[in-house]
Protein backbone atom coordinates (compact mmCIF):
# COMPACT_ATOMS: atom_id res chain seq x y z
CA MET A 1 -169.94 1.04 214.11
CA LEU A 2 -167.64 1.87 217.02
CA SER A 3 -164.54 -0.27 217.36
CA THR A 4 -161.24 -0.44 219.20
CA SER A 5 -158.25 1.62 218.11
CA LYS A 6 -154.87 0.63 216.78
CA LEU A 7 -151.99 0.04 219.20
CA THR A 8 -150.09 3.06 217.87
CA THR A 9 -152.89 5.47 218.82
CA THR A 10 -153.21 3.97 222.29
CA SER A 11 -149.46 4.28 222.80
CA VAL A 12 -149.56 7.95 221.87
CA VAL A 13 -152.32 8.61 224.40
CA LEU A 14 -150.37 6.89 227.16
CA SER A 15 -147.23 8.82 226.31
CA ILE A 16 -149.15 12.10 226.50
CA LEU A 17 -150.39 11.17 229.95
CA THR A 18 -146.84 10.31 231.02
CA VAL A 19 -145.29 13.54 229.76
CA GLY A 20 -147.70 15.95 231.43
CA ALA A 21 -150.65 15.95 233.77
CA LEU A 22 -154.10 16.95 232.63
CA ALA A 23 -155.65 20.25 233.61
CA ALA A 24 -159.00 21.96 233.95
CA ALA A 25 -162.26 20.20 233.21
CA GLY A 26 -165.81 21.40 232.85
CA CYS A 27 -167.24 23.47 235.68
CA SER A 28 -170.16 22.65 238.05
CA SER A 29 -173.14 20.47 239.05
CA PRO A 30 -176.62 20.02 240.46
CA THR A 31 -176.33 18.13 243.73
CA PRO A 32 -177.17 20.59 246.53
CA THR A 33 -174.59 20.63 249.30
CA ASN A 34 -176.46 19.60 252.44
CA HIS A 35 -174.80 18.29 255.57
CA ASP A 36 -176.40 17.56 258.92
CA VAL A 37 -175.19 20.81 260.45
CA GLY A 38 -178.39 22.43 261.68
CA GLU A 39 -180.48 25.29 260.38
CA PRO A 40 -179.14 27.78 257.81
CA VAL A 41 -177.67 30.98 259.19
CA SER A 42 -177.22 34.41 257.66
CA GLY A 43 -174.00 36.36 257.41
CA GLY A 44 -170.44 35.69 256.40
CA ALA A 45 -168.72 35.50 253.06
CA ILE A 46 -167.27 32.94 250.70
CA THR A 47 -164.43 33.14 248.21
CA VAL A 48 -164.80 31.52 244.81
CA GLY A 49 -161.77 30.56 242.71
CA ILE A 50 -162.49 30.61 238.97
CA GLY A 51 -160.14 29.64 236.16
CA THR A 52 -160.86 32.54 233.83
CA ALA A 53 -162.42 35.96 234.11
CA PRO A 54 -165.54 36.52 232.00
CA ASP A 55 -164.72 37.89 228.57
CA CYS A 56 -167.74 40.18 229.03
CA PHE A 57 -169.89 40.62 232.14
CA ASP A 58 -173.02 41.55 230.18
CA PRO A 59 -175.10 38.38 229.66
CA GLN A 60 -177.14 40.13 226.99
CA ILE A 61 -173.96 40.30 224.89
CA SER A 62 -171.69 37.45 225.99
CA PRO A 63 -172.44 33.88 224.84
CA ALA A 64 -170.27 32.39 227.60
CA GLY A 65 -171.94 30.06 230.05
CA GLN A 66 -169.58 31.38 232.71
CA THR A 67 -170.95 34.90 232.29
CA SER A 68 -174.57 33.82 232.56
CA SER A 69 -173.95 31.66 235.63
CA ILE A 70 -171.94 34.32 237.49
CA MET A 71 -174.34 37.12 236.63
CA ARG A 72 -177.39 35.03 237.60
CA ASN A 73 -176.62 36.35 241.09
CA VAL A 74 -177.17 39.94 239.87
CA TYR A 75 -179.95 39.59 237.28
CA ASP A 76 -183.45 38.10 237.55
CA SER A 77 -185.72 36.86 234.76
CA LEU A 78 -189.43 36.89 233.95
CA VAL A 79 -189.98 33.22 234.73
CA TYR A 80 -188.17 30.42 236.54
CA GLU A 81 -187.51 26.98 235.05
CA ASN A 82 -188.07 24.17 237.53
CA SER A 83 -185.93 21.04 237.51
CA ASP A 84 -188.73 19.12 235.76
CA GLY A 85 -188.81 21.57 232.85
CA THR A 86 -191.96 23.40 233.91
CA PHE A 87 -192.03 27.16 234.50
CA ALA A 88 -192.96 29.17 237.57
CA PRO A 89 -193.48 32.89 238.28
CA TRP A 90 -190.55 35.14 239.03
CA LEU A 91 -190.61 38.79 237.97
CA ALA A 92 -193.79 37.88 236.12
CA THR A 93 -196.62 36.64 238.32
CA ALA A 94 -198.56 35.08 235.44
CA TRP A 95 -198.63 34.89 231.65
CA THR A 96 -200.89 33.87 228.79
CA VAL A 97 -200.03 32.74 225.27
CA SER A 98 -202.17 33.40 222.20
CA ASP A 99 -203.49 30.42 220.27
CA ASP A 100 -201.12 31.10 217.37
CA GLY A 101 -198.11 31.29 219.72
CA LEU A 102 -197.20 34.81 218.56
CA THR A 103 -198.20 36.84 221.62
CA TYR A 104 -197.14 36.42 225.25
CA THR A 105 -198.82 38.63 227.85
CA PHE A 106 -196.94 38.93 231.15
CA ALA A 107 -198.41 40.26 234.40
CA LEU A 108 -195.50 41.73 236.38
CA ARG A 109 -194.81 42.07 240.08
CA ASP A 110 -195.43 45.54 241.47
CA ASP A 111 -192.84 45.49 244.26
CA VAL A 112 -189.54 45.02 242.42
CA LYS A 113 -186.77 47.59 242.26
CA PHE A 114 -183.37 47.60 240.61
CA HIS A 115 -180.28 48.08 242.75
CA ASP A 116 -180.23 51.78 241.82
CA GLY A 117 -183.78 52.31 243.08
CA THR A 118 -185.37 52.31 239.62
CA VAL A 119 -188.72 50.52 239.49
CA PHE A 120 -188.95 47.32 237.47
CA ASP A 121 -191.96 47.61 235.16
CA ALA A 122 -193.21 46.86 231.66
CA ALA A 123 -191.16 49.72 230.24
CA ALA A 124 -188.01 48.06 231.63
CA VAL A 125 -188.99 44.82 229.88
CA LYS A 126 -189.37 46.66 226.59
CA THR A 127 -186.10 48.58 227.01
CA ASN A 128 -184.13 45.40 227.64
CA PHE A 129 -185.69 43.23 224.94
CA ASP A 130 -185.39 46.01 222.36
CA ARG A 131 -181.73 46.43 223.33
CA ILE A 132 -180.99 42.71 222.99
CA VAL A 133 -182.17 42.51 219.37
CA ALA A 134 -180.76 45.88 218.30
CA PRO A 135 -177.88 45.37 215.81
CA SER A 136 -175.80 47.94 217.68
CA THR A 137 -175.81 45.72 220.78
CA ALA A 138 -174.00 42.95 218.87
CA SER A 139 -175.49 40.27 221.08
CA GLN A 140 -173.66 37.00 220.54
CA PHE A 141 -176.28 34.74 222.10
CA ALA A 142 -179.25 36.47 223.74
CA GLY A 143 -180.37 37.85 220.40
CA GLN A 144 -180.49 34.32 219.02
CA LEU A 145 -182.54 33.17 222.00
CA ILE A 146 -185.38 35.49 220.99
CA SER A 147 -184.70 35.77 217.28
CA PRO A 148 -188.46 35.89 216.39
CA TYR A 149 -188.92 38.89 218.71
CA GLN A 150 -190.77 41.80 217.11
CA SER A 151 -191.80 44.20 219.87
CA THR A 152 -193.09 44.73 223.39
CA ASP A 153 -196.27 46.69 224.07
CA VAL A 154 -196.44 48.48 227.42
CA VAL A 155 -200.13 48.09 228.28
CA ASP A 156 -199.63 49.56 231.74
CA ALA A 157 -196.86 49.58 234.34
CA HIS A 158 -197.40 45.93 235.22
CA THR A 159 -198.51 44.40 231.91
CA ALA A 160 -196.11 43.70 229.03
CA VAL A 161 -197.22 42.12 225.76
CA VAL A 162 -194.36 40.52 223.81
CA ARG A 163 -195.01 39.92 220.12
CA LEU A 164 -193.13 37.39 217.97
CA SER A 165 -192.91 37.11 214.20
CA SER A 166 -193.33 33.32 214.29
CA ALA A 167 -194.23 30.62 216.77
CA TYR A 168 -191.26 29.82 218.97
CA SER A 169 -191.58 26.81 221.27
CA PRO A 170 -188.50 27.56 223.47
CA PHE A 171 -189.64 31.11 224.29
CA LEU A 172 -190.43 30.56 227.98
CA ARG A 173 -187.14 28.74 228.44
CA ALA A 174 -185.38 31.65 226.75
CA VAL A 175 -186.94 34.28 229.03
CA SER A 176 -186.01 32.18 232.06
CA SER A 177 -182.31 32.51 231.22
CA THR A 178 -179.82 35.01 232.59
CA ASN A 179 -179.15 36.14 229.03
CA LEU A 180 -182.65 37.63 228.93
CA GLY A 181 -182.40 39.05 232.44
CA PHE A 182 -182.87 42.76 233.08
CA HIS A 183 -180.51 45.70 233.38
CA SER A 184 -181.78 48.86 235.00
CA PRO A 185 -182.90 51.15 232.16
CA ARG A 186 -180.81 53.86 233.83
CA SER A 187 -177.66 51.74 233.62
CA ILE A 188 -178.39 51.07 229.94
CA SER A 189 -178.81 54.76 229.13
CA GLU A 190 -175.85 55.93 231.22
CA HIS A 191 -173.44 53.00 230.88
CA GLY A 192 -174.67 50.92 227.95
CA ASP A 193 -171.24 50.87 226.31
CA ASP A 194 -169.51 49.83 229.54
CA LEU A 195 -171.65 46.91 230.68
CA CYS A 196 -169.13 44.33 229.47
CA GLN A 197 -166.54 45.68 231.90
CA GLY A 198 -168.32 44.56 235.06
CA GLY A 199 -168.55 46.35 238.39
CA PRO A 200 -171.13 48.75 239.84
CA VAL A 201 -172.44 49.70 236.38
CA GLN A 202 -174.01 46.19 236.34
CA VAL A 203 -177.39 47.02 237.89
CA GLY A 204 -180.03 44.30 238.11
CA THR A 205 -182.79 43.26 240.50
CA GLY A 206 -181.03 40.15 241.80
CA PRO A 207 -180.07 39.01 245.31
CA PHE A 208 -176.52 40.36 244.96
CA VAL A 209 -175.11 43.73 243.91
CA ALA A 210 -171.99 44.02 241.75
CA SER A 211 -170.09 46.08 244.31
CA SER A 212 -166.52 46.23 243.04
CA ASN A 213 -164.80 46.87 239.76
CA SER A 214 -163.41 43.81 238.05
CA SER A 215 -159.65 43.41 237.82
CA ALA A 216 -157.08 40.77 236.96
CA GLU A 217 -157.35 39.58 240.57
CA GLY A 218 -161.14 39.33 240.73
CA PHE A 219 -164.37 41.08 241.74
CA SER A 220 -167.01 41.02 244.49
CA PHE A 221 -170.77 40.88 245.02
CA THR A 222 -172.57 42.05 248.15
CA ARG A 223 -176.05 41.18 249.42
CA ASN A 224 -179.10 43.11 248.23
CA ASP A 225 -180.89 43.58 251.55
CA ASP A 226 -184.13 44.61 249.80
CA TYR A 227 -184.52 41.36 247.85
CA ARG A 228 -187.99 39.84 248.32
CA TRP A 229 -188.98 38.26 245.01
CA ALA A 230 -187.14 34.96 244.62
CA PRO A 231 -189.06 32.22 242.77
CA THR A 232 -190.61 29.65 245.09
CA GLY A 233 -188.71 26.78 243.47
CA VAL A 234 -185.35 27.76 244.98
CA GLY A 235 -186.38 26.92 248.55
CA HIS A 236 -185.54 30.25 250.16
CA SER A 237 -187.14 33.68 250.33
CA GLY A 238 -186.01 37.14 251.33
CA PRO A 239 -182.42 38.42 251.07
CA ALA A 240 -179.50 36.10 250.37
CA ARG A 241 -177.93 34.45 253.40
CA LEU A 242 -174.36 35.45 252.56
CA ASP A 243 -173.18 39.02 253.08
CA ARG A 244 -170.64 38.80 250.28
CA VAL A 245 -169.20 36.62 247.52
CA ASP A 246 -165.64 37.31 246.41
CA PHE A 247 -164.40 35.92 243.10
CA ARG A 248 -160.66 35.33 242.60
CA ILE A 249 -159.13 34.64 239.19
CA LEU A 250 -156.86 31.57 239.53
CA PRO A 251 -155.93 30.37 236.03
CA GLU A 252 -153.80 27.37 237.08
CA SER A 253 -155.74 24.25 237.97
CA SER A 254 -153.17 23.20 240.57
CA ILE A 255 -153.32 26.61 242.25
CA ARG A 256 -157.14 26.49 242.43
CA LEU A 257 -156.98 23.02 243.92
CA GLY A 258 -154.34 24.03 246.46
CA ALA A 259 -156.31 27.14 247.42
CA LEU A 260 -159.39 25.01 248.12
CA THR A 261 -157.65 22.31 250.14
CA SER A 262 -155.70 24.91 252.16
CA GLY A 263 -158.86 26.87 252.94
CA GLU A 264 -157.89 30.03 251.03
CA VAL A 265 -161.02 29.69 248.89
CA ASP A 266 -164.34 27.95 249.52
CA PHE A 267 -165.29 26.91 246.00
CA ILE A 268 -163.48 26.22 242.71
CA ASP A 269 -164.58 25.54 239.15
CA GLN A 270 -162.93 23.53 236.36
CA VAL A 271 -161.85 20.56 238.47
CA ALA A 272 -159.47 18.40 236.43
CA ALA A 273 -160.39 14.79 235.74
CA THR A 274 -157.11 13.68 237.31
CA ASP A 275 -158.01 15.42 240.58
CA LEU A 276 -161.44 13.86 241.03
CA THR A 277 -160.42 10.73 242.93
CA SER A 278 -158.26 12.53 245.49
CA LEU A 279 -160.89 15.22 246.06
CA GLN A 280 -163.64 12.66 246.53
CA GLN A 281 -161.54 11.06 249.30
CA ASN A 282 -161.07 14.40 251.10
CA SER A 283 -163.69 14.77 253.85
CA ALA A 284 -163.13 18.54 253.99
CA VAL A 285 -164.23 18.92 250.38
CA GLU A 286 -167.44 18.19 248.51
CA VAL A 287 -167.27 17.40 244.80
CA ASN A 288 -170.28 18.52 242.76
CA THR A 289 -170.89 16.82 239.43
CA LYS A 290 -173.64 17.21 236.85
CA ASN A 291 -174.26 16.20 233.29
CA PRO A 292 -173.79 19.02 230.78
CA THR A 293 -176.49 20.28 228.47
CA GLY A 294 -175.86 21.83 225.05
CA ILE A 295 -173.37 20.25 222.67
CA PRO A 296 -170.26 18.22 223.52
CA TYR A 297 -166.71 19.26 222.70
CA THR A 298 -166.90 19.13 218.91
CA TYR A 299 -164.53 19.59 215.97
CA PHE A 300 -166.24 21.73 213.32
CA PHE A 301 -165.07 21.39 209.71
CA ASN A 302 -165.10 24.58 207.65
CA THR A 303 -167.24 23.56 204.67
CA SER A 304 -166.65 26.87 202.87
CA ARG A 305 -163.18 25.98 201.63
CA ALA A 306 -160.95 23.03 200.70
CA PRO A 307 -160.50 20.38 201.81
CA PHE A 308 -163.71 20.27 203.87
CA ASP A 309 -165.93 21.60 201.11
CA ASP A 310 -165.73 17.96 199.99
CA GLU A 311 -167.85 15.64 202.12
CA ARG A 312 -165.36 12.83 201.65
CA ALA A 313 -162.64 14.78 203.45
CA ARG A 314 -164.92 15.44 206.41
CA LEU A 315 -165.97 11.81 206.67
CA ALA A 316 -162.36 10.61 206.34
CA VAL A 317 -161.41 12.56 209.44
CA GLN A 318 -164.61 11.47 211.21
CA LYS A 319 -163.85 7.81 210.53
CA GLY A 320 -160.12 8.09 211.19
CA ILE A 321 -160.18 8.83 214.94
CA ASP A 322 -160.98 6.24 217.61
CA LEU A 323 -162.75 8.61 219.98
CA PRO A 324 -163.78 6.03 222.63
CA THR A 325 -160.18 4.89 223.11
CA LEU A 326 -158.83 8.43 223.20
CA THR A 327 -161.48 9.52 225.70
CA GLN A 328 -160.92 6.51 227.95
CA GLY A 329 -157.14 6.87 227.88
CA ILE A 330 -156.93 10.60 228.45
CA PHE A 331 -159.73 11.06 230.98
CA GLN A 332 -159.31 7.75 232.81
CA GLY A 333 -162.95 6.81 232.45
CA LYS A 334 -164.21 10.07 233.97
CA TYR A 335 -165.59 11.38 230.63
CA ALA A 336 -167.66 9.64 227.95
CA PRO A 337 -167.15 9.68 224.19
CA ALA A 338 -169.73 11.76 222.35
CA GLY A 339 -171.96 9.96 219.93
CA SER A 340 -174.27 12.76 218.84
CA PRO A 341 -174.24 16.52 218.14
CA LEU A 342 -176.22 16.95 221.40
CA ASN A 343 -175.25 15.98 224.93
CA PRO A 344 -177.34 13.15 226.44
CA ALA A 345 -178.94 15.49 229.01
CA VAL A 346 -180.71 17.49 226.29
CA PHE A 347 -184.27 16.70 225.28
CA SER A 348 -184.41 14.82 221.93
CA TYR A 349 -180.87 13.40 222.25
CA ASP A 350 -180.67 10.46 219.82
CA ASP A 351 -179.35 7.50 221.83
CA ILE A 352 -179.44 5.23 218.77
CA LEU A 353 -177.25 7.45 216.59
CA PRO A 354 -173.93 6.62 218.35
CA GLN A 355 -174.22 3.03 217.17
CA SER A 356 -174.45 4.05 213.51
CA TRP A 357 -171.02 5.64 213.06
CA GLY A 358 -167.54 5.65 214.51
CA TYR A 359 -163.95 4.57 213.97
CA ASP A 360 -163.33 2.90 210.61
CA ALA A 361 -159.68 3.12 209.55
CA ASN A 362 -160.25 1.21 206.32
CA GLY A 363 -163.19 3.40 205.38
CA ALA A 364 -161.15 6.53 206.09
CA ALA A 365 -158.26 5.25 203.96
CA ALA A 366 -160.60 4.47 201.07
CA LEU A 367 -162.01 8.01 201.14
CA LEU A 368 -158.50 9.51 201.13
CA ASP A 369 -157.68 7.30 198.13
CA GLU A 370 -160.79 8.65 196.36
CA LEU A 371 -159.59 12.17 197.03
CA GLY A 372 -156.32 11.33 195.28
CA TYR A 373 -154.08 11.13 198.35
CA THR A 374 -152.63 7.74 197.46
CA GLN A 375 -148.93 8.37 198.08
CA ARG A 376 -146.96 8.98 201.29
CA ASP A 377 -143.95 11.20 201.85
CA ALA A 378 -140.88 10.47 203.95
CA ASP A 379 -142.72 11.45 207.14
CA GLY A 380 -145.62 9.11 206.43
CA TYR A 381 -148.15 11.76 205.41
CA ARG A 382 -150.46 11.17 202.48
CA THR A 383 -149.80 13.25 199.39
CA SER A 384 -151.45 14.09 196.08
CA GLY A 385 -149.26 15.54 193.36
CA GLY A 386 -146.53 15.95 195.93
CA LYS A 387 -148.74 18.01 198.28
CA ARG A 388 -149.55 16.79 201.76
CA PHE A 389 -153.06 16.41 203.12
CA THR A 390 -152.64 19.13 205.74
CA ILE A 391 -155.36 20.72 207.87
CA GLY A 392 -155.18 23.22 210.71
CA LEU A 393 -156.97 23.65 214.06
CA ILE A 394 -157.00 27.11 215.63
CA TYR A 395 -157.83 28.08 219.21
CA ASP A 396 -157.65 31.03 221.60
CA PRO A 397 -155.17 30.14 224.39
CA THR A 398 -156.80 32.64 226.76
CA TYR A 399 -159.99 30.61 227.04
CA GLN A 400 -159.05 27.10 225.95
CA LYS A 401 -159.00 24.51 228.73
CA PRO A 402 -155.69 22.62 228.98
CA GLU A 403 -157.49 19.27 228.89
CA ARG A 404 -158.87 20.16 225.48
CA ILE A 405 -155.39 20.94 224.20
CA THR A 406 -154.29 17.52 225.48
CA PHE A 407 -157.14 15.88 223.59
CA ASP A 408 -156.37 17.90 220.45
CA THR A 409 -152.79 16.65 220.59
CA ALA A 410 -153.99 13.06 220.80
CA VAL A 411 -156.26 13.67 217.78
CA GLN A 412 -153.24 15.09 215.96
CA ALA A 413 -151.33 11.86 216.61
CA ALA A 414 -154.27 9.69 215.54
CA LEU A 415 -154.58 11.56 212.25
CA LYS A 416 -150.84 11.18 211.64
CA ASP A 417 -151.36 7.39 211.81
CA LEU A 418 -153.93 7.86 209.06
CA GLY A 419 -151.53 10.00 207.02
CA ILE A 420 -153.18 13.38 207.70
CA GLU A 421 -151.10 16.27 209.02
CA LEU A 422 -152.97 18.33 211.63
CA THR A 423 -151.37 21.56 212.76
CA ILE A 424 -152.56 23.13 216.02
CA GLU A 425 -152.22 26.90 216.16
CA PRO A 426 -152.89 29.12 219.17
CA ILE A 427 -154.05 32.58 218.11
CA GLY A 428 -153.93 35.10 220.91
CA ASN A 429 -153.52 38.84 221.38
CA GLY A 430 -157.17 39.46 220.56
CA THR A 431 -156.86 38.36 216.92
CA TYR A 432 -158.65 35.02 217.23
CA ILE A 433 -162.11 36.50 216.67
CA ASP A 434 -160.95 38.31 213.50
CA VAL A 435 -159.42 35.14 212.08
CA ARG A 436 -162.47 33.09 213.02
CA ASN A 437 -164.97 35.54 211.53
CA SER A 438 -162.96 35.81 208.31
CA GLY A 439 -163.22 32.05 207.81
CA ALA A 440 -159.45 31.62 207.58
CA TYR A 441 -159.36 28.22 209.26
CA ASP A 442 -159.97 24.53 208.61
CA ILE A 443 -161.19 23.37 212.04
CA ILE A 444 -162.44 25.05 215.20
CA ALA A 445 -163.37 23.06 218.30
CA PHE A 446 -165.59 24.03 221.21
CA ALA A 447 -168.52 23.00 223.39
CA TRP A 448 -171.67 25.10 223.66
CA SER A 449 -174.16 25.33 226.51
CA GLY A 450 -177.95 25.37 226.14
CA THR A 451 -180.82 23.48 227.71
CA ASP A 452 -182.98 23.29 224.58
CA PRO A 453 -182.18 21.35 221.37
CA ASP A 454 -182.58 24.66 219.52
CA VAL A 455 -178.89 25.02 220.39
CA LEU A 456 -178.36 23.02 217.18
CA ARG A 457 -179.68 25.99 215.22
CA THR A 458 -177.14 28.28 216.91
CA VAL A 459 -174.20 26.12 215.85
CA TYR A 460 -175.45 24.67 212.54
CA GLY A 461 -178.11 27.06 211.15
CA SER A 462 -177.39 28.83 207.87
CA ASP A 463 -178.34 32.22 209.34
CA GLN A 464 -176.11 31.67 212.39
CA GLN A 465 -172.72 32.47 210.90
CA PHE A 466 -170.12 34.08 213.18
CA VAL A 467 -170.57 37.41 211.42
CA ASP A 468 -174.31 37.17 212.15
CA GLY A 469 -173.72 36.69 215.86
CA GLY A 470 -174.23 32.92 215.71
CA ALA A 471 -171.77 30.04 216.14
CA ASN A 472 -171.94 28.16 212.82
CA ALA A 473 -168.28 27.19 212.87
CA SER A 474 -168.75 24.73 209.99
CA GLN A 475 -170.11 27.60 207.87
CA ILE A 476 -172.91 25.35 206.67
CA HIS A 477 -175.66 26.46 204.33
CA ASP A 478 -177.84 23.34 204.20
CA PRO A 479 -181.54 23.94 203.39
CA ASP A 480 -182.53 20.42 204.50
CA LEU A 481 -180.96 20.95 207.90
CA ASP A 482 -182.44 24.45 208.16
CA ARG A 483 -185.89 23.04 207.47
CA LEU A 484 -185.59 20.48 210.28
CA LEU A 485 -184.28 23.07 212.73
CA GLN A 486 -187.06 25.49 211.84
CA LEU A 487 -189.71 22.80 212.26
CA GLY A 488 -188.24 21.95 215.65
CA LEU A 489 -188.32 25.60 216.58
CA THR A 490 -191.98 26.16 215.72
CA THR A 491 -193.54 22.80 216.68
CA SER A 492 -195.17 22.63 220.12
CA ASP A 493 -195.87 18.88 220.23
CA PRO A 494 -192.82 17.48 222.12
CA VAL A 495 -192.98 14.08 220.44
CA VAL A 496 -193.01 15.52 216.92
CA ARG A 497 -190.47 18.15 217.90
CA GLY A 498 -188.12 15.46 219.20
CA GLU A 499 -188.32 13.61 215.89
CA TYR A 500 -187.28 16.69 213.95
CA TYR A 501 -184.24 17.17 216.16
CA ARG A 502 -183.28 13.50 215.96
CA ASP A 503 -183.41 13.76 212.17
CA ALA A 504 -181.24 16.88 212.38
CA GLN A 505 -178.65 15.07 214.52
CA GLU A 506 -178.49 12.21 212.03
CA LEU A 507 -178.05 14.60 209.09
CA ILE A 508 -175.18 16.44 210.83
CA ILE A 509 -173.31 13.18 211.39
CA THR A 510 -174.10 11.74 207.96
CA LYS A 511 -172.83 14.87 206.20
CA GLY A 512 -169.81 15.14 208.47
CA TYR A 513 -170.45 18.75 209.44
CA GLY A 514 -168.94 18.21 212.86
CA LEU A 515 -167.14 15.56 214.86
CA PRO A 516 -168.56 15.31 218.42
CA ALA A 517 -165.59 14.24 220.55
CA TYR A 518 -166.35 13.79 224.24
CA VAL A 519 -168.87 14.68 226.94
CA ALA A 520 -167.25 16.46 229.88
CA PRO A 521 -169.25 16.45 233.12
CA ILE A 522 -169.43 19.79 234.85
CA VAL A 523 -167.32 19.38 237.97
CA THR A 524 -166.75 21.84 240.79
CA ALA A 525 -165.65 21.43 244.38
CA SER A 526 -166.50 23.27 247.58
CA SER A 527 -165.45 23.36 251.19
CA ALA A 528 -167.56 21.27 253.55
CA ARG A 529 -168.30 24.50 255.43
CA VAL A 530 -170.42 25.73 252.49
CA HIS A 531 -174.02 24.52 252.27
CA ASP A 532 -177.02 24.76 249.96
CA LEU A 533 -175.29 25.88 246.81
CA GLY A 534 -178.04 26.40 244.24
CA PHE A 535 -176.99 24.22 241.35
CA ALA A 536 -179.28 24.32 238.33
CA THR A 537 -178.27 24.26 234.66
CA ASP A 538 -175.47 26.80 234.86
CA ILE A 539 -171.72 26.29 235.02
CA LEU A 540 -171.42 27.89 238.45
CA PRO A 541 -174.04 27.76 241.21
CA ASN A 542 -176.36 30.53 242.24
CA PHE A 543 -175.11 31.66 245.64
CA TYR A 544 -178.50 33.02 246.74
CA THR A 545 -179.32 30.03 248.96
CA ALA A 546 -175.76 29.36 250.16
CA TRP A 547 -174.57 29.71 253.76
CA THR A 548 -171.55 28.74 255.81
CA SER A 549 -170.88 26.98 259.09
CA GLY A 550 -167.65 27.34 261.04
CA ASP A 551 -164.43 29.09 260.11
CA ARG A 552 -161.98 28.28 257.38
């Protein structure tokens, strides 16, 4: 059961807050920005300040939520997911599903063109889906979204039949995502190896055109004046209202905040928890907050090597950290402690599970005793045969949010109270991926986006190792967990499906495969002159519906 922490841990948290301010938080949110300012107008531009540049601009390759949300403005999908979880036509006007769930037949619009003038048709669907699953593409997420994909039959120009190897209940949700959006076949054939770089080689059918090359300073999108095929659920039709969207890379949280409040930019992501109160009191700024989907910020224990190949070591760490107290102290009540491998906004989240586990210092100490770490050295760390219980956490400083580093440091202090030495090692210069894929680590921590509970398969499935293109940071090979995740994947009944995923969440916690830490709301802020930002499930809004009133 959850309990309060020791005074020493609380003191460490307070000292961390005193020494340095927190930085960047999550990213964005679903409350549309609507003020009583009259009817929408067309024209003008906005500038968006983002904390990091996409690691890859190709959503068919990159697993980053930032990439998919930015490139949503350039790429369209077959279907559109409404806020209630139902699906509506987009590039497909209608679809049917075979009784066995293996065949999806899509009727396509006949008036859609890519930015380069190429016609969107069934052949384009086949070209893109075949590319996504091709091993040479090295897709890090999209390929997992349609892992049962077998082939696409081009019946005629406006009819595509997609065949799957097994029933796959999240398929419509998958094909509604940016990750399964469509490149122009010409851009694939002529620039397939360059699509991660961004710029004019990124050719979609969306409301904006990637009009400038990306650089360390940023990149720009301009309006696609021919756009006529937006889904009805977005509340606007025809071309985008804005002429242009300029993205500026502003890594420092304080600089992003200052640029927004001074009027240099109109929108920022990654608003820090410590900045929320002051921003909410600023009438010239609107704060946008939404609950995240996917999985919370989680510490994954590498089960393929000592010490975490022993369940007792994993559970000792799990029991030895008072996550509610750390989360409250560091984030000042703005974030919630995580109690499950899924975020609460995801279907099948187990709201009972958080009450079944938590901080238990005595239980953690007993497990360390069982492991033989019964002595302590001069620095207070537990030892066995003169060797410390030492574990390491690695991260990539290029993409790690400062607030996560602050939390990691507090976890380090909490584990020291328990007698465990945690080292925190930044690995930069492009070597992080090599170290991660080689398995040369004890702990990796990250959050992962995804609207469907199948995200658990991506981060815990046996066939989802890093070298396979998945994100199984715990390097688990658990047939019982795989069975539950597969049943959840292939079961259409939502009640039964939810039970499988709740059982999977319980197993992950019981076995100590990961330690869910905290749930960070997605927080962005915009100038009051910006209206109708299209927040959905992505990190950043879709700027298709946005418009501006007045000058900066």
